[in-house]
Amino acid sequence: TELAQRLDKTMRTVQKYESGEIEPSIAMINAIAKILNISP
């Protein structure tokens, strides 16, 4: 939920990212990496 809020996405979208149901775009990868303090 917290990650979804920071990404301005729904929790269900984050769940789909983590389950591999949908593949995040490179722009979303960069956004997630910045929030989680990890290299894209």
All heavy atoms as atom14 arrays in JSON, in Angstrom:
{
  "sequence": "TELAQRLDKTMRTVQKYESGEIEPSIAMINAIAKILNISP",
  "atom14_mask": [
    [1, 1, 1, 1, 1, 1, 1, 0, 0, 0, 0, 0, 0, 0],
    [1, 1, 1, 1, 1, 1, 1, 1, 1, 0, 0, 0, 0, 0],
    [1, 1, 1, 1, 1, 1, 1, 1, 0, 0, 0, 0, 0, 0],
    [1, 1, 1, 1, 1, 0, 0, 0, 0, 0, 0, 0, 0, 0],
    [1, 1, 1, 1, 1, 1, 1, 1, 1, 0, 0, 0, 0, 0],
    [1, 1, 1, 1, 1, 1, 1, 1, 1, 1, 1, 0, 0, 0],
    [1, 1, 1, 1, 1, 1, 1, 1, 0, 0, 0, 0, 0, 0],
    [1, 1, 1, 1, 1, 1, 1, 1, 0, 0, 0, 0, 0, 0],
    [1, 1, 1, 1, 1, 1, 1, 1, 1, 0, 0, 0, 0, 0],
    [1, 1, 1, 1, 1, 1, 1, 0, 0, 0, 0, 0, 0, 0],
    [1, 1, 1, 1, 1, 1, 1, 1, 0, 0, 0, 0, 0, 0],
    [1, 1, 1, 1, 1, 1, 1, 1, 1, 1, 1, 0, 0, 0],
    [1, 1, 1, 1, 1, 1, 1, 0, 0, 0, 0, 0, 0, 0],
    [1, 1, 1, 1, 1, 1, 1, 0, 0, 0, 0, 0, 0, 0],
    [1, 1, 1, 1, 1, 1, 1, 1, 1, 0, 0, 0, 0, 0],
    [1, 1, 1, 1, 1, 1, 1, 1, 1, 0, 0, 0, 0, 0],
    [1, 1, 1, 1, 1, 1, 1, 1, 1, 1, 1, 1, 0, 0],
    [1, 1, 1, 1, 1, 1, 1, 1, 1, 0, 0, 0, 0, 0],
    [1, 1, 1, 1, 1, 1, 0, 0, 0, 0, 0, 0, 0, 0],
    [1, 1, 1, 1, 0, 0, 0, 0, 0, 0, 0, 0, 0, 0],
    [1, 1, 1, 1, 1, 1, 1, 1, 1, 0, 0, 0, 0, 0],
    [1, 1, 1, 1, 1, 1, 1, 1, 0, 0, 0, 0, 0, 0],
    [1, 1, 1, 1, 1, 1, 1, 1, 1, 0, 0, 0, 0, 0],
    [1, 1, 1, 1, 1, 1, 1, 0, 0, 0, 0, 0, 0, 0],
    [1, 1, 1, 1, 1, 1, 0, 0, 0, 0, 0, 0, 0, 0],
    [1, 1, 1, 1, 1, 1, 1, 1, 0, 0, 0, 0, 0, 0],
    [1, 1, 1, 1, 1, 0, 0, 0, 0, 0, 0, 0, 0, 0],
    [1, 1, 1, 1, 1, 1, 1, 1, 0, 0, 0, 0, 0, 0],
    [1, 1, 1, 1, 1, 1, 1, 1, 0, 0, 0, 0, 0, 0],
    [1, 1, 1, 1, 1, 1, 1, 1, 0, 0, 0, 0, 0, 0],
    [1, 1, 1, 1, 1, 0, 0, 0, 0, 0, 0, 0, 0, 0],
    [1, 1, 1, 1, 1, 1, 1, 1, 0, 0, 0, 0, 0, 0],
    [1, 1, 1, 1, 1, 0, 0, 0, 0, 0, 0, 0, 0, 0],
    [1, 1, 1, 1, 1, 1, 1, 1, 1, 0, 0, 0, 0, 0],
    [1, 1, 1, 1, 1, 1, 1, 1, 0, 0, 0, 0, 0, 0],
    [1, 1, 1, 1, 1, 1, 1, 1, 0, 0, 0, 0, 0, 0],
    [1, 1, 1, 1, 1, 1, 1, 1, 0, 0, 0, 0, 0, 0],
    [1, 1, 1, 1, 1, 1, 1, 1, 0, 0, 0, 0, 0, 0],
    [1, 1, 1, 1, 1, 1, 0, 0, 0, 0, 0, 0, 0, 0],
    [1, 1, 1, 1, 1, 1, 1, 0, 0, 0, 0, 0, 0, 0]
  ],
  "atom14_positions": [
    [[0.83, -1.21, 0.0], [0.0, 0.0, 0.0], [0.86, 1.25, 0.0], [0.6, 2.2, -0.75], [-0.93, 0.01, 1.22], [-1.77, -1.14, 1.19], [-1.79, 1.27, 1.23], [0.0, 0.0, 0.0], [0.0, 0.0, 0.0], [0.0, 0.0, 0.0], [0.0, 0.0, 0.0], [0.0, 0.0, 0.0], [0.0, 0.0, 0.0], [0.0, 0.0, 0.0]],
    [[1.9, 1.26, 0.82], [2.79, 2.43, 0.89], [3.53, 2.65, -0.42], [3.67, 3.79, -0.89], [3.78, 2.25, 2.04], [3.14, 2.36, 3.42], [4.09, 1.96, 4.53], [4.88, 1.01, 4.33], [4.04, 2.59, 5.6], [0.0, 0.0, 0.0], [0.0, 0.0, 0.0], [0.0, 0.0, 0.0], [0.0, 0.0, 0.0], [0.0, 0.0, 0.0]],
    [[3.99, 1.56, -1.02], [4.68, 1.69, -2.31], [3.71, 2.2, -3.37], [4.06, 3.07, -4.18], [5.28, 0.36, -2.74], [5.99, 0.34, -4.1], [7.12, 1.38, -4.15], [6.53, -1.05, -4.42], [0.0, 0.0, 0.0], [0.0, 0.0, 0.0], [0.0, 0.0, 0.0], [0.0, 0.0, 0.0], [0.0, 0.0, 0.0], [0.0, 0.0, 0.0]],
    [[2.51, 1.68, -3.36], [1.5, 2.11, -4.33], [1.21, 3.6, -4.19], [1.08, 4.32, -5.19], [0.22, 1.3, -4.14], [0.0, 0.0, 0.0], [0.0, 0.0, 0.0], [0.0, 0.0, 0.0], [0.0, 0.0, 0.0], [0.0, 0.0, 0.0], [0.0, 0.0, 0.0], [0.0, 0.0, 0.0], [0.0, 0.0, 0.0], [0.0, 0.0, 0.0]],
    [[1.1, 4.07, -2.96], [0.82, 5.49, -2.74], [1.94, 6.37, -3.28], [1.69, 7.41, -3.89], [0.62, 5.74, -1.24], [-0.69, 5.16, -0.7], [-0.78, 5.28, 0.81], [0.2, 5.5, 1.51], [-2.01, 5.11, 1.33], [0.0, 0.0, 0.0], [0.0, 0.0, 0.0], [0.0, 0.0, 0.0], [0.0, 0.0, 0.0], [0.0, 0.0, 0.0]],
    [[3.18, 5.95, -3.06], [4.32, 6.75, -3.53], [4.42, 6.73, -5.05], [4.93, 7.67, -5.66], [5.61, 6.24, -2.9], [5.67, 6.4, -1.39], [7.09, 6.25, -0.9], [7.16, 6.25, 0.56], [8.29, 6.25, 1.25], [9.46, 6.24, 0.6], [8.28, 6.24, 2.56], [0.0, 0.0, 0.0], [0.0, 0.0, 0.0], [0.0, 0.0, 0.0]],
    [[3.94, 5.65, -5.64], [3.96, 5.55, -7.11], [2.72, 6.15, -7.75], [2.66, 6.26, -8.98], [4.08, 4.08, -7.53], [5.39, 3.36, -7.23], [5.24, 1.87, -7.5], [6.53, 3.95, -8.05], [0.0, 0.0, 0.0], [0.0, 0.0, 0.0], [0.0, 0.0, 0.0], [0.0, 0.0, 0.0], [0.0, 0.0, 0.0], [0.0, 0.0, 0.0]],
    [[1.76, 6.52, -6.92], [0.46, 7.0, -7.41], [-0.23, 5.91, -8.24], [-0.79, 6.16, -9.29], [0.62, 8.27, -8.23], [-0.71, 9.0, -8.42], [-1.62, 8.8, -7.61], [-0.84, 9.76, -9.42], [0.0, 0.0, 0.0], [0.0, 0.0, 0.0], [0.0, 0.0, 0.0], [0.0, 0.0, 0.0], [0.0, 0.0, 0.0], [0.0, 0.0, 0.0]],
    [[-0.14, 4.68, -7.71], [-0.78, 3.52, -8.33], [-1.66, 2.85, -7.31], [-1.6, 3.15, -6.12], [0.29, 2.53, -8.85], [1.19, 3.06, -9.94], [0.46, 3.19, -11.25], [1.39, 3.63, -12.36], [0.69, 3.76, -13.66], [0.0, 0.0, 0.0], [0.0, 0.0, 0.0], [0.0, 0.0, 0.0], [0.0, 0.0, 0.0], [0.0, 0.0, 0.0]],
    [[-2.47, 1.9, -7.78], [-3.29, 1.14, -6.84], [-2.47, 0.0, -6.25], [-1.45, -0.42, -6.83], [-4.51, 0.54, -7.55], [-4.07, -0.41, -8.53], [-5.34, 1.63, -8.23], [0.0, 0.0, 0.0], [0.0, 0.0, 0.0], [0.0, 0.0, 0.0], [0.0, 0.0, 0.0], [0.0, 0.0, 0.0], [0.0, 0.0, 0.0], [0.0, 0.0, 0.0]],
    [[-2.88, -0.49, -5.11], [-2.18, -1.6, -4.49], [-2.24, -2.83, -5.41], [-1.3, -3.62, -5.48], [-2.78, -1.94, -3.14], [-1.98, -3.02, -2.39], [-2.68, -3.49, -0.8], [-4.14, -4.39, -1.33], [0.0, 0.0, 0.0], [0.0, 0.0, 0.0], [0.0, 0.0, 0.0], [0.0, 0.0, 0.0], [0.0, 0.0, 0.0], [0.0, 0.0, 0.0]],
    [[-3.37, -2.98, -6.12], [-3.52, -4.12, -7.02], [-2.47, -4.08, -8.13], [-1.93, -5.12, -8.53], [-4.93, -4.12, -7.62], [-5.2, -5.25, -8.6], [-4.97, -6.6, -7.97], [-5.16, -7.68, -8.93], [-4.48, -8.8, -8.93], [-3.55, -9.03, -8.0], [-4.71, -9.74, -9.82], [0.0, 0.0, 0.0], [0.0, 0.0, 0.0], [0.0, 0.0, 0.0]],
    [[-2.13, -2.88, -8.61], [-1.1, -2.76, -9.64], [0.25, -3.19, -9.1], [0.99, -3.92, -9.77], [-1.01, -1.31, -10.15], [-2.25, -0.93, -10.74], [0.1, -1.15, -11.18], [0.0, 0.0, 0.0], [0.0, 0.0, 0.0], [0.0, 0.0, 0.0], [0.0, 0.0, 0.0], [0.0, 0.0, 0.0], [0.0, 0.0, 0.0], [0.0, 0.0, 0.0]],
    [[0.56, -2.79, -7.88], [1.82, -3.21, -7.25], [1.83, -4.72, -7.08], [2.86, -5.38, -7.3], [2.03, -2.49, -5.9], [3.21, -3.1, -5.15], [2.26, -1.0, -6.12], [0.0, 0.0, 0.0], [0.0, 0.0, 0.0], [0.0, 0.0, 0.0], [0.0, 0.0, 0.0], [0.0, 0.0, 0.0], [0.0, 0.0, 0.0], [0.0, 0.0, 0.0]],
    [[0.72, -5.28, -6.69], [0.64, -6.73, -6.55], [0.91, -7.43, -7.88], [1.58, -8.45, -7.93], [-0.75, -7.13, -6.02], [-0.98, -6.76, -4.56], [-2.41, -7.06, -4.12], [-3.33, -7.14, -4.94], [-2.6, -7.23, -2.81], [0.0, 0.0, 0.0], [0.0, 0.0, 0.0], [0.0, 0.0, 0.0], [0.0, 0.0, 0.0], [0.0, 0.0, 0.0]],
    [[0.39, -6.85, -8.97], [0.62, -7.43, -10.3], [2.08, -7.31, -10.71], [2.62, -8.21, -11.36], [-0.28, -6.74, -11.33], [-1.75, -7.1, -11.2], [-2.58, -6.41, -12.29], [-4.05, -6.81, -12.2], [-4.86, -6.17, -13.27], [0.0, 0.0, 0.0], [0.0, 0.0, 0.0], [0.0, 0.0, 0.0], [0.0, 0.0, 0.0], [0.0, 0.0, 0.0]],
    [[2.72, -6.2, -10.35], [4.15, -6.07, -10.61], [4.92, -7.18, -9.9], [5.78, -7.84, -10.5], [4.67, -4.72, -10.11], [4.25, -3.51, -10.92], [4.23, -2.24, -10.35], [3.89, -3.62, -12.26], [3.86, -1.12, -11.07], [3.51, -2.52, -13.0], [3.5, -1.25, -12.4], [3.13, -0.15, -13.11], [0.0, 0.0, 0.0], [0.0, 0.0, 0.0]],
    [[4.6, -7.38, -8.63], [5.37, -8.33, -7.82], [5.07, -9.78, -8.19], [5.94, -10.64, -8.04], [5.08, -8.09, -6.34], [5.6, -6.74, -5.84], [5.52, -6.6, -4.33], [4.95, -7.5, -3.67], [6.02, -5.58, -3.8], [0.0, 0.0, 0.0], [0.0, 0.0, 0.0], [0.0, 0.0, 0.0], [0.0, 0.0, 0.0], [0.0, 0.0, 0.0]],
    [[3.9, -10.05, -8.68], [3.56, -11.42, -9.07], [4.02, -11.74, -10.48], [4.02, -12.91, -10.88], [2.04, -11.63, -8.97], [1.37, -10.85, -9.96], [0.0, 0.0, 0.0], [0.0, 0.0, 0.0], [0.0, 0.0, 0.0], [0.0, 0.0, 0.0], [0.0, 0.0, 0.0], [0.0, 0.0, 0.0], [0.0, 0.0, 0.0], [0.0, 0.0, 0.0]],
    [[4.43, -10.71, -11.22], [4.84, -10.92, -12.61], [3.67, -10.95, -13.56], [3.84, -11.28, -14.75], [0.0, 0.0, 0.0], [0.0, 0.0, 0.0], [0.0, 0.0, 0.0], [0.0, 0.0, 0.0], [0.0, 0.0, 0.0], [0.0, 0.0, 0.0], [0.0, 0.0, 0.0], [0.0, 0.0, 0.0], [0.0, 0.0, 0.0], [0.0, 0.0, 0.0]],
    [[2.48, -10.59, -13.07], [1.29, -10.59, -13.92], [1.41, -9.53, -15.01], [0.96, -9.73, -16.13], [0.05, -10.35, -13.07], [-1.26, -10.54, -13.82], [-2.46, -10.43, -12.9], [-2.28, -10.55, -11.67], [-3.58, -10.22, -13.42], [0.0, 0.0, 0.0], [0.0, 0.0, 0.0], [0.0, 0.0, 0.0], [0.0, 0.0, 0.0], [0.0, 0.0, 0.0]],
    [[2.01, -8.4, -14.66], [2.3, -7.37, -15.65], [3.76, -6.93, -15.47], [4.3, -6.98, -14.37], [1.36, -6.14, -15.55], [1.43, -5.52, -14.14], [-0.05, -6.5, -15.93], [0.6, -4.26, -14.01], [0.0, 0.0, 0.0], [0.0, 0.0, 0.0], [0.0, 0.0, 0.0], [0.0, 0.0, 0.0], [0.0, 0.0, 0.0], [0.0, 0.0, 0.0]],
    [[4.36, -6.53, -16.56], [5.76, -6.08, -16.52], [5.81, -4.56, -16.47], [5.25, -3.89, -17.35], [6.52, -6.59, -17.74], [7.99, -6.2, -17.75], [8.72, -6.73, -18.97], [8.07, -7.37, -19.82], [9.92, -6.48, -19.08], [0.0, 0.0, 0.0], [0.0, 0.0, 0.0], [0.0, 0.0, 0.0], [0.0, 0.0, 0.0], [0.0, 0.0, 0.0]],
    [[6.45, -3.99, -15.47], [6.54, -2.53, -15.39], [7.39, -1.96, -16.51], [8.35, -2.6, -16.96], [7.18, -2.29, -14.02], [7.91, -3.54, -13.72], [7.13, -4.65, -14.34], [0.0, 0.0, 0.0], [0.0, 0.0, 0.0], [0.0, 0.0, 0.0], [0.0, 0.0, 0.0], [0.0, 0.0, 0.0], [0.0, 0.0, 0.0], [0.0, 0.0, 0.0]],
    [[7.03, -0.78, -16.98], [7.82, -0.11, -18.01], [9.16, 0.32, -17.41], [9.34, 0.32, -16.19], [7.07, 1.12, -18.53], [6.96, 2.1, -17.49], [0.0, 0.0, 0.0], [0.0, 0.0, 0.0], [0.0, 0.0, 0.0], [0.0, 0.0, 0.0], [0.0, 0.0, 0.0], [0.0, 0.0, 0.0], [0.0, 0.0, 0.0], [0.0, 0.0, 0.0]],
    [[10.09, 0.71, -18.28], [11.4, 1.15, -17.78], [11.24, 2.41, -16.94], [11.97, 2.61, -15.96], [12.38, 1.37, -18.95], [13.8, 1.6, -18.41], [11.94, 2.5, -19.84], [14.38, 0.45, -17.64], [0.0, 0.0, 0.0], [0.0, 0.0, 0.0], [0.0, 0.0, 0.0], [0.0, 0.0, 0.0], [0.0, 0.0, 0.0], [0.0, 0.0, 0.0]],
    [[10.27, 3.27, -17.3], [10.02, 4.48, -16.5], [9.54, 4.1, -15.1], [9.95, 4.71, -14.1], [9.0, 5.37, -17.2], [0.0, 0.0, 0.0], [0.0, 0.0, 0.0], [0.0, 0.0, 0.0], [0.0, 0.0, 0.0], [0.0, 0.0, 0.0], [0.0, 0.0, 0.0], [0.0, 0.0, 0.0], [0.0, 0.0, 0.0], [0.0, 0.0, 0.0]],
    [[8.69, 3.08, -15.02], [8.18, 2.63, -13.73], [9.29, 1.94, -12.93], [9.38, 2.1, -11.71], [6.99, 1.69, -13.92], [6.36, 1.21, -12.62], [5.83, 2.58, -11.54], [4.67, 3.44, -12.59], [0.0, 0.0, 0.0], [0.0, 0.0, 0.0], [0.0, 0.0, 0.0], [0.0, 0.0, 0.0], [0.0, 0.0, 0.0], [0.0, 0.0, 0.0]],
    [[10.15, 1.2, -13.63], [11.3, 0.57, -12.97], [12.16, 1.64, -12.31], [12.6, 1.51, -11.16], [12.14, -0.24, -13.97], [11.42, -1.55, -14.36], [13.52, -0.55, -13.41], [11.38, -2.58, -13.26], [0.0, 0.0, 0.0], [0.0, 0.0, 0.0], [0.0, 0.0, 0.0], [0.0, 0.0, 0.0], [0.0, 0.0, 0.0], [0.0, 0.0, 0.0]],
    [[12.4, 2.73, -13.04], [13.21, 3.82, -12.49], [12.53, 4.45, -11.27], [13.2, 4.78, -10.28], [13.44, 4.89, -13.56], [14.39, 4.44, -14.65], [15.26, 3.59, -14.42], [14.24, 4.98, -15.84], [0.0, 0.0, 0.0], [0.0, 0.0, 0.0], [0.0, 0.0, 0.0], [0.0, 0.0, 0.0], [0.0, 0.0, 0.0], [0.0, 0.0, 0.0]],
    [[11.21, 4.62, -11.35], [10.47, 5.22, -10.23], [10.5, 4.31, -9.0], [10.73, 4.77, -7.87], [9.03, 5.49, -10.65], [0.0, 0.0, 0.0], [0.0, 0.0, 0.0], [0.0, 0.0, 0.0], [0.0, 0.0, 0.0], [0.0, 0.0, 0.0], [0.0, 0.0, 0.0], [0.0, 0.0, 0.0], [0.0, 0.0, 0.0], [0.0, 0.0, 0.0]],
    [[10.3, 3.03, -9.22], [10.33, 2.07, -8.11], [11.72, 2.02, -7.49], [11.88, 2.01, -6.27], [9.9, 0.67, -8.59], [8.42, 0.68, -9.02], [10.12, -0.38, -7.5], [7.96, -0.6, -9.68], [0.0, 0.0, 0.0], [0.0, 0.0, 0.0], [0.0, 0.0, 0.0], [0.0, 0.0, 0.0], [0.0, 0.0, 0.0], [0.0, 0.0, 0.0]],
    [[12.74, 1.97, -8.36], [14.12, 1.9, -7.88], [14.48, 3.11, -7.03], [15.16, 2.98, -6.0], [15.07, 1.79, -9.07], [0.0, 0.0, 0.0], [0.0, 0.0, 0.0], [0.0, 0.0, 0.0], [0.0, 0.0, 0.0], [0.0, 0.0, 0.0], [0.0, 0.0, 0.0], [0.0, 0.0, 0.0], [0.0, 0.0, 0.0], [0.0, 0.0, 0.0]],
    [[14.0, 4.28, -7.43], [14.31, 5.5, -6.67], [13.68, 5.45, -5.29], [14.31, 5.8, -4.28], [13.81, 6.73, -7.44], [14.17, 8.05, -6.78], [13.74, 9.22, -7.64], [14.13, 10.55, -7.0], [13.71, 11.71, -7.84], [0.0, 0.0, 0.0], [0.0, 0.0, 0.0], [0.0, 0.0, 0.0], [0.0, 0.0, 0.0], [0.0, 0.0, 0.0]],
    [[12.43, 4.98, -5.22], [11.73, 4.9, -3.94], [12.38, 3.87, -3.02], [12.54, 4.09, -1.82], [10.24, 4.56, -4.16], [9.53, 5.72, -4.86], [9.55, 4.21, -2.85], [8.13, 5.38, -5.33], [0.0, 0.0, 0.0], [0.0, 0.0, 0.0], [0.0, 0.0, 0.0], [0.0, 0.0, 0.0], [0.0, 0.0, 0.0], [0.0, 0.0, 0.0]],
    [[12.78, 2.73, -3.61], [13.33, 1.64, -2.82], [14.84, 1.73, -2.63], [15.45, 0.83, -2.04], [12.97, 0.3, -3.47], [11.46, 0.03, -3.64], [11.23, -1.34, -4.26], [10.74, 0.13, -2.29], [0.0, 0.0, 0.0], [0.0, 0.0, 0.0], [0.0, 0.0, 0.0], [0.0, 0.0, 0.0], [0.0, 0.0, 0.0], [0.0, 0.0, 0.0]],
    [[15.42, 2.81, -3.17], [16.86, 3.04, -3.02], [17.68, 1.86, -3.53], [18.55, 1.32, -2.84], [17.2, 3.33, -1.55], [18.6, 3.92, -1.39], [19.08, 4.61, -2.29], [19.23, 3.66, -0.25], [0.0, 0.0, 0.0], [0.0, 0.0, 0.0], [0.0, 0.0, 0.0], [0.0, 0.0, 0.0], [0.0, 0.0, 0.0], [0.0, 0.0, 0.0]],
    [[17.38, 1.48, -4.76], [18.08, 0.38, -5.41], [18.36, 0.78, -6.85], [17.67, 1.63, -7.42], [17.24, -0.92, -5.35], [18.03, -2.11, -5.9], [15.92, -0.76, -6.08], [17.32, -3.45, -5.76], [0.0, 0.0, 0.0], [0.0, 0.0, 0.0], [0.0, 0.0, 0.0], [0.0, 0.0, 0.0], [0.0, 0.0, 0.0], [0.0, 0.0, 0.0]],
    [[19.36, 0.21, -7.43], [19.7, 0.51, -8.81], [18.64, -0.07, -9.76], [18.22, -1.22, -9.58], [21.07, -0.08, -9.16], [21.22, -0.23, -10.54], [0.0, 0.0, 0.0], [0.0, 0.0, 0.0], [0.0, 0.0, 0.0], [0.0, 0.0, 0.0], [0.0, 0.0, 0.0], [0.0, 0.0, 0.0], [0.0, 0.0, 0.0], [0.0, 0.0, 0.0]],
    [[18.2, 0.68, -10.77], [17.28, 0.12, -11.76], [17.87, -1.11, -12.44], [17.15, -2.06, -12.74], [17.08, 1.27, -12.76], [17.42, 2.5, -12.0], [18.49, 2.11, -11.04], [0.0, 0.0, 0.0], [0.0, 0.0, 0.0], [0.0, 0.0, 0.0], [0.0, 0.0, 0.0], [0.0, 0.0, 0.0], [0.0, 0.0, 0.0], [0.0, 0.0, 0.0]]
  ]
}
